[in-house]
Amino acid sequence: MNKNMNSGLDHFTDLSGDYGAKALAPIKEHFPELAEYIMGNAYGDIFQRTTIGSDWKEIAVISSLITMGQYEQLGVHYVMALRVGMTVEQIKGVLLHLVPCIGAPRVISAFNVLLDTLEEIREKSS
């Protein structure tokens, strides 16, 4: 593993905790090259830059994933958003502001992922 890969994995783990580890596990097992690329480039480089704050990074990623209709990774990024200090109300505010741009159906799907993610977080903390 290279330095960026290790740094990226540490950064990803700090941001996403057990939730992220669970999401990353099948990728690491079945497609390690992809995991290395994501950890080394996204989390080992881009996500560690300081041009914008961590909350803005998550707003950008969450908005992009929803716009593309890619809901599968949303849970991890909701967890990350909460861990960098965003509130559920702020995340819901981001979702609301997406409605005029991308439509209610995608936002409803994204909100359902948020509800599922919050439920999973509650269950783990119980």
N, C-alpha and C. Protein backbone atom coordinates (compact mmCIF):
# COMPACT_ATOMS: atom_id res chain seq x y z
N MET A 1 0.84 -1.19 0.00
CA MET A 1 0.00 0.00 0.00
C MET A 1 0.88 1.25 0.00
N ASN A 2 0.47 2.22 -0.75
CA ASN A 2 1.25 3.44 -0.77
C ASN A 2 0.78 4.41 0.32
N LYS A 3 1.54 5.48 0.45
CA LYS A 3 1.25 6.47 1.50
C LYS A 3 -0.16 7.06 1.37
N ASN A 4 -0.55 7.44 0.16
CA ASN A 4 -1.89 8.00 -0.04
C ASN A 4 -2.98 6.99 0.30
N MET A 5 -2.75 5.74 -0.05
CA MET A 5 -3.73 4.69 0.24
C MET A 5 -3.93 4.56 1.75
N ASN A 6 -2.82 4.48 2.50
CA ASN A 6 -2.92 4.36 3.95
C ASN A 6 -3.55 5.60 4.57
N SER A 7 -3.13 6.75 4.11
CA SER A 7 -3.69 8.01 4.61
C SER A 7 -5.17 8.10 4.29
N GLY A 8 -5.53 7.68 3.08
CA GLY A 8 -6.93 7.72 2.66
C GLY A 8 -7.80 6.78 3.47
N LEU A 9 -7.29 5.58 3.73
CA LEU A 9 -8.03 4.61 4.52
C LEU A 9 -8.24 5.13 5.95
N ASP A 10 -7.20 5.73 6.51
CA ASP A 10 -7.32 6.32 7.85
C ASP A 10 -8.36 7.44 7.86
N HIS A 11 -8.31 8.29 6.84
CA HIS A 11 -9.25 9.42 6.75
C HIS A 11 -10.68 8.91 6.59
N PHE A 12 -10.87 7.94 5.72
CA PHE A 12 -12.19 7.35 5.50
C PHE A 12 -12.72 6.74 6.79
N THR A 13 -11.87 6.02 7.51
CA THR A 13 -12.27 5.39 8.77
C THR A 13 -12.64 6.44 9.81
N ASP A 14 -11.85 7.50 9.90
CA ASP A 14 -12.17 8.59 10.84
C ASP A 14 -13.52 9.22 10.53
N LEU A 15 -13.82 9.38 9.24
CA LEU A 15 -15.07 10.03 8.84
C LEU A 15 -16.28 9.11 8.94
N SER A 16 -16.10 7.82 8.65
CA SER A 16 -17.27 6.96 8.51
C SER A 16 -17.40 5.87 9.57
N GLY A 17 -16.34 5.60 10.32
CA GLY A 17 -16.41 4.60 11.39
C GLY A 17 -16.84 3.23 10.91
N ASP A 18 -17.56 2.52 11.77
CA ASP A 18 -18.01 1.16 11.46
C ASP A 18 -18.95 1.11 10.26
N TYR A 19 -19.76 2.15 10.10
CA TYR A 19 -20.69 2.20 8.97
C TYR A 19 -19.93 2.13 7.65
N GLY A 20 -18.87 2.92 7.55
CA GLY A 20 -18.06 2.93 6.34
C GLY A 20 -17.31 1.64 6.13
N ALA A 21 -16.78 1.08 7.22
CA ALA A 21 -16.05 -0.18 7.13
C ALA A 21 -16.94 -1.28 6.57
N LYS A 22 -18.18 -1.30 7.00
CA LYS A 22 -19.15 -2.29 6.52
C LYS A 22 -19.41 -2.10 5.02
N ALA A 23 -19.51 -0.85 4.59
CA ALA A 23 -19.77 -0.57 3.17
C ALA A 23 -18.55 -0.88 2.30
N LEU A 24 -17.36 -0.65 2.85
CA LEU A 24 -16.13 -0.84 2.08
C LEU A 24 -15.70 -2.31 2.01
N ALA A 25 -16.08 -3.11 2.98
CA ALA A 25 -15.61 -4.49 3.07
C ALA A 25 -15.81 -5.30 1.79
N PRO A 26 -17.00 -5.33 1.19
CA PRO A 26 -17.16 -6.15 -0.01
C PRO A 26 -16.32 -5.63 -1.19
N ILE A 27 -16.12 -4.33 -1.26
CA ILE A 27 -15.29 -3.77 -2.33
C ILE A 27 -13.84 -4.21 -2.14
N LYS A 28 -13.35 -4.10 -0.89
CA LYS A 28 -11.98 -4.51 -0.60
C LYS A 28 -11.77 -6.00 -0.90
N GLU A 29 -12.78 -6.80 -0.59
CA GLU A 29 -12.65 -8.24 -0.78
C GLU A 29 -12.72 -8.65 -2.25
N HIS A 30 -13.69 -8.10 -2.98
CA HIS A 30 -13.97 -8.59 -4.33
C HIS A 30 -13.41 -7.72 -5.45
N PHE A 31 -13.02 -6.47 -5.12
CA PHE A 31 -12.50 -5.56 -6.15
C PHE A 31 -11.47 -4.65 -5.49
N PRO A 32 -10.37 -5.24 -4.98
CA PRO A 32 -9.39 -4.48 -4.22
C PRO A 32 -8.77 -3.31 -5.00
N GLU A 33 -8.67 -3.45 -6.32
CA GLU A 33 -8.11 -2.35 -7.12
C GLU A 33 -8.98 -1.11 -7.02
N LEU A 34 -10.29 -1.30 -7.00
CA LEU A 34 -11.20 -0.17 -6.87
C LEU A 34 -11.08 0.46 -5.48
N ALA A 35 -11.00 -0.37 -4.46
CA ALA A 35 -10.84 0.15 -3.10
C ALA A 35 -9.55 0.95 -2.99
N GLU A 36 -8.48 0.44 -3.57
CA GLU A 36 -7.20 1.15 -3.54
C GLU A 36 -7.31 2.50 -4.25
N TYR A 37 -7.99 2.51 -5.39
CA TYR A 37 -8.16 3.76 -6.15
C TYR A 37 -8.95 4.78 -5.32
N ILE A 38 -10.07 4.34 -4.77
CA ILE A 38 -10.92 5.25 -3.98
C ILE A 38 -10.17 5.77 -2.76
N MET A 39 -9.54 4.86 -2.01
CA MET A 39 -8.83 5.28 -0.79
C MET A 39 -7.62 6.14 -1.12
N GLY A 40 -6.88 5.79 -2.14
CA GLY A 40 -5.67 6.53 -2.48
C GLY A 40 -5.93 7.89 -3.11
N ASN A 41 -6.92 7.96 -3.98
CA ASN A 41 -7.17 9.21 -4.71
C ASN A 41 -8.23 10.09 -4.05
N ALA A 42 -9.40 9.52 -3.81
CA ALA A 42 -10.47 10.35 -3.23
C ALA A 42 -10.15 10.73 -1.78
N TYR A 43 -9.90 9.71 -0.95
CA TYR A 43 -9.71 9.98 0.48
C TYR A 43 -8.26 10.26 0.86
N GLY A 44 -7.31 9.80 0.05
CA GLY A 44 -5.91 10.06 0.34
C GLY A 44 -5.42 11.36 -0.24
N ASP A 45 -6.22 11.98 -1.11
CA ASP A 45 -5.82 13.23 -1.74
C ASP A 45 -6.96 14.26 -1.67
N ILE A 46 -7.97 14.10 -2.51
CA ILE A 46 -9.01 15.13 -2.66
C ILE A 46 -9.69 15.48 -1.34
N PHE A 47 -10.13 14.47 -0.59
CA PHE A 47 -10.88 14.74 0.65
C PHE A 47 -10.01 15.33 1.75
N GLN A 48 -8.69 15.30 1.58
CA GLN A 48 -7.80 15.87 2.59
C GLN A 48 -7.37 17.29 2.26
N ARG A 49 -7.76 17.79 1.12
CA ARG A 49 -7.43 19.18 0.76
C ARG A 49 -8.27 20.12 1.62
N THR A 50 -7.77 21.31 1.82
CA THR A 50 -8.41 22.24 2.75
C THR A 50 -9.07 23.44 2.08
N THR A 51 -9.26 23.38 0.78
CA THR A 51 -9.88 24.49 0.06
C THR A 51 -11.28 24.79 0.57
N ILE A 52 -12.03 23.73 0.86
CA ILE A 52 -13.37 23.88 1.46
C ILE A 52 -13.44 22.99 2.69
N GLY A 53 -14.35 23.30 3.58
CA GLY A 53 -14.51 22.54 4.82
C GLY A 53 -15.13 21.18 4.58
N SER A 54 -15.00 20.32 5.57
CA SER A 54 -15.52 18.96 5.47
C SER A 54 -17.03 18.93 5.26
N ASP A 55 -17.75 19.87 5.87
CA ASP A 55 -19.20 19.90 5.67
C ASP A 55 -19.54 20.22 4.21
N TRP A 56 -18.82 21.15 3.61
CA TRP A 56 -19.06 21.50 2.21
C TRP A 56 -18.71 20.33 1.29
N LYS A 57 -17.68 19.59 1.64
CA LYS A 57 -17.32 18.41 0.84
C LYS A 57 -18.47 17.42 0.84
N GLU A 58 -19.06 17.19 2.00
CA GLU A 58 -20.17 16.23 2.08
C GLU A 58 -21.42 16.76 1.38
N ILE A 59 -21.66 18.06 1.46
CA ILE A 59 -22.80 18.64 0.72
C ILE A 59 -22.61 18.40 -0.77
N ALA A 60 -21.38 18.61 -1.26
CA ALA A 60 -21.11 18.40 -2.69
C ALA A 60 -21.31 16.95 -3.08
N VAL A 61 -20.79 16.02 -2.28
CA VAL A 61 -20.90 14.59 -2.62
C VAL A 61 -22.35 14.13 -2.52
N ILE A 62 -23.02 14.48 -1.44
CA ILE A 62 -24.42 14.08 -1.26
C ILE A 62 -25.27 14.60 -2.41
N SER A 63 -25.11 15.87 -2.74
CA SER A 63 -25.88 16.47 -3.84
C SER A 63 -25.59 15.79 -5.17
N SER A 64 -24.32 15.49 -5.40
CA SER A 64 -23.95 14.84 -6.66
C SER A 64 -24.51 13.43 -6.75
N LEU A 65 -24.40 12.67 -5.67
CA LEU A 65 -24.93 11.31 -5.68
C LEU A 65 -26.43 11.29 -5.94
N ILE A 66 -27.15 12.20 -5.29
CA ILE A 66 -28.60 12.26 -5.49
C ILE A 66 -28.93 12.67 -6.92
N THR A 67 -28.23 13.65 -7.44
CA THR A 67 -28.46 14.12 -8.80
C THR A 67 -28.25 12.99 -9.81
N MET A 68 -27.24 12.15 -9.55
CA MET A 68 -26.97 11.02 -10.45
C MET A 68 -27.89 9.83 -10.20
N GLY A 69 -28.69 9.90 -9.13
CA GLY A 69 -29.56 8.77 -8.80
C GLY A 69 -28.78 7.62 -8.18
N GLN A 70 -27.63 7.90 -7.59
CA GLN A 70 -26.76 6.89 -6.99
C GLN A 70 -26.96 6.87 -5.48
N TYR A 71 -27.97 6.17 -5.03
CA TYR A 71 -28.36 6.20 -3.61
C TYR A 71 -27.56 5.23 -2.75
N GLU A 72 -26.90 4.27 -3.38
CA GLU A 72 -26.22 3.21 -2.63
C GLU A 72 -25.13 3.74 -1.70
N GLN A 73 -24.41 4.77 -2.10
CA GLN A 73 -23.34 5.32 -1.26
C GLN A 73 -23.82 6.44 -0.33
N LEU A 74 -25.07 6.82 -0.42
CA LEU A 74 -25.56 7.95 0.38
C LEU A 74 -25.44 7.72 1.88
N GLY A 75 -25.74 6.52 2.34
CA GLY A 75 -25.68 6.26 3.78
C GLY A 75 -24.33 6.59 4.37
N VAL A 76 -23.27 6.17 3.68
CA VAL A 76 -21.91 6.45 4.16
C VAL A 76 -21.68 7.96 4.23
N HIS A 77 -22.14 8.68 3.23
CA HIS A 77 -21.91 10.13 3.22
C HIS A 77 -22.82 10.87 4.19
N TYR A 78 -23.99 10.34 4.46
CA TYR A 78 -24.80 10.93 5.54
C TYR A 78 -24.08 10.77 6.88
N VAL A 79 -23.53 9.59 7.12
CA VAL A 79 -22.77 9.36 8.36
C VAL A 79 -21.59 10.32 8.43
N MET A 80 -20.88 10.45 7.33
CA MET A 80 -19.74 11.37 7.31
C MET A 80 -20.19 12.81 7.58
N ALA A 81 -21.29 13.21 6.98
CA ALA A 81 -21.80 14.57 7.19
C ALA A 81 -22.10 14.80 8.67
N LEU A 82 -22.73 13.84 9.28
CA LEU A 82 -23.04 13.97 10.72
C LEU A 82 -21.76 14.00 11.55
N ARG A 83 -20.78 13.21 11.18
CA ARG A 83 -19.53 13.14 11.95
C ARG A 83 -18.68 14.39 11.79
N VAL A 84 -18.87 15.14 10.71
CA VAL A 84 -18.12 16.40 10.56
C VAL A 84 -18.90 17.59 11.10
N GLY A 85 -20.04 17.32 11.74
CA GLY A 85 -20.75 18.39 12.44
C GLY A 85 -22.05 18.86 11.83
N MET A 86 -22.44 18.31 10.70
CA MET A 86 -23.74 18.70 10.14
C MET A 86 -24.84 18.08 10.99
N THR A 87 -25.97 18.73 11.01
CA THR A 87 -27.13 18.21 11.73
C THR A 87 -28.09 17.55 10.73
N VAL A 88 -28.99 16.77 11.25
CA VAL A 88 -30.02 16.15 10.40
C VAL A 88 -30.83 17.25 9.72
N GLU A 89 -31.13 18.31 10.44
CA GLU A 89 -31.90 19.41 9.84
C GLU A 89 -31.15 20.06 8.69
N GLN A 90 -29.84 20.21 8.81
CA GLN A 90 -29.05 20.77 7.71
C GLN A 90 -29.06 19.84 6.50
N ILE A 91 -28.94 18.55 6.75
CA ILE A 91 -28.99 17.59 5.63
C ILE A 91 -30.35 17.67 4.96
N LYS A 92 -31.40 17.72 5.75
CA LYS A 92 -32.75 17.86 5.17
C LYS A 92 -32.87 19.17 4.40
N GLY A 93 -32.22 20.23 4.86
CA GLY A 93 -32.21 21.50 4.14
C GLY A 93 -31.54 21.37 2.78
N VAL A 94 -30.44 20.63 2.72
CA VAL A 94 -29.78 20.37 1.45
C VAL A 94 -30.74 19.62 0.52
N LEU A 95 -31.40 18.59 1.05
CA LEU A 95 -32.34 17.82 0.25
C LEU A 95 -33.46 18.72 -0.29
N LEU A 96 -33.99 19.57 0.55
CA LEU A 96 -35.07 20.46 0.13
C LEU A 96 -34.62 21.38 -1.00
N HIS A 97 -33.40 21.88 -0.91
CA HIS A 97 -32.91 22.78 -1.95
C HIS A 97 -32.62 22.06 -3.27
N LEU A 98 -32.54 20.76 -3.24
CA LEU A 98 -32.35 20.01 -4.48
C LEU A 98 -33.66 19.79 -5.24
N VAL A 99 -34.79 19.88 -4.55
CA VAL A 99 -36.08 19.56 -5.19
C VAL A 99 -36.32 20.38 -6.46
N PRO A 100 -36.15 21.71 -6.46
CA PRO A 100 -36.41 22.46 -7.70
C PRO A 100 -35.47 22.09 -8.84
N CYS A 101 -34.29 21.63 -8.51
CA CYS A 101 -33.29 21.31 -9.54
C CYS A 101 -33.43 19.91 -10.12
N ILE A 102 -33.71 18.93 -9.26
CA ILE A 102 -33.70 17.54 -9.73
C ILE A 102 -35.03 16.82 -9.54
N GLY A 103 -35.95 17.45 -8.82
CA GLY A 103 -37.28 16.86 -8.67
C GLY A 103 -37.48 16.12 -7.36
N ALA A 104 -38.74 16.07 -6.95
CA ALA A 104 -39.10 15.44 -5.69
C ALA A 104 -38.84 13.94 -5.64
N PRO A 105 -39.05 13.16 -6.72
CA PRO A 105 -38.85 11.71 -6.61
C PRO A 105 -37.44 11.33 -6.16
N ARG A 106 -36.42 11.95 -6.72
CA ARG A 106 -35.04 11.62 -6.30
C ARG A 106 -34.79 12.05 -4.86
N VAL A 107 -35.33 13.18 -4.49
CA VAL A 107 -35.14 13.66 -3.11
C VAL A 107 -35.88 12.76 -2.13
N ILE A 108 -37.05 12.29 -2.48
CA ILE A 108 -37.78 11.37 -1.61
C ILE A 108 -36.96 10.08 -1.42
N SER A 109 -36.40 9.57 -2.49
CA SER A 109 -35.55 8.37 -2.38
C SER A 109 -34.35 8.64 -1.48
N ALA A 110 -33.73 9.80 -1.64
CA ALA A 110 -32.59 10.17 -0.80
C ALA A 110 -33.00 10.34 0.66
N PHE A 111 -34.18 10.89 0.89
CA PHE A 111 -34.67 11.06 2.26
C PHE A 111 -34.92 9.69 2.90
N ASN A 112 -35.45 8.75 2.12
CA ASN A 112 -35.67 7.40 2.65
C ASN A 112 -34.35 6.74 3.05
N VAL A 113 -33.30 6.99 2.30
CA VAL A 113 -31.97 6.47 2.67
C VAL A 113 -31.52 7.15 3.97
N LEU A 114 -31.78 8.44 4.10
CA LEU A 114 -31.42 9.14 5.34
C LEU A 114 -32.14 8.52 6.53
N LEU A 115 -33.44 8.26 6.39
CA LEU A 115 -34.20 7.64 7.49
C LEU A 115 -33.62 6.27 7.84
N ASP A 116 -33.31 5.47 6.83
CA ASP A 116 -32.74 4.14 7.07
C ASP A 116 -31.38 4.25 7.77
N THR A 117 -30.58 5.21 7.34
CA THR A 117 -29.26 5.41 7.93
C THR A 117 -29.38 5.82 9.39
N LEU A 118 -30.28 6.74 9.68
CA LEU A 118 -30.48 7.19 11.06
C LEU A 118 -30.97 6.05 11.94
N GLU A 119 -31.84 5.22 11.39
CA GLU A 119 -32.33 4.05 12.13
C GLU A 119 -31.19 3.08 12.44
N GLU A 120 -30.34 2.85 11.46
CA GLU A 120 -29.20 1.95 11.67
C GLU A 120 -28.24 2.52 12.72
N ILE A 121 -28.03 3.82 12.69
CA ILE A 121 -27.18 4.46 13.70
C ILE A 121 -27.80 4.30 15.09
N ARG A 122 -29.10 4.51 15.19
CA ARG A 122 -29.80 4.37 16.48
C ARG A 122 -29.69 2.95 17.02
N GLU A 123 -29.88 1.96 16.13
CA GLU A 123 -29.80 0.55 16.54
C GLU A 123 -28.42 0.19 17.05
N LYS A 124 -27.38 0.72 16.40
CA LYS A 124 -26.01 0.42 16.83
C LYS A 124 -25.67 1.07 18.16
N SER A 125 -26.29 2.23 18.43
CA SER A 125 -25.98 2.93 19.69
C SER A 125 -26.81 2.42 20.86
N SER A 126 -27.79 1.56 20.58
CA SER A 126 -28.64 1.02 21.65
C SER A 126 -28.00 -0.15 22.35
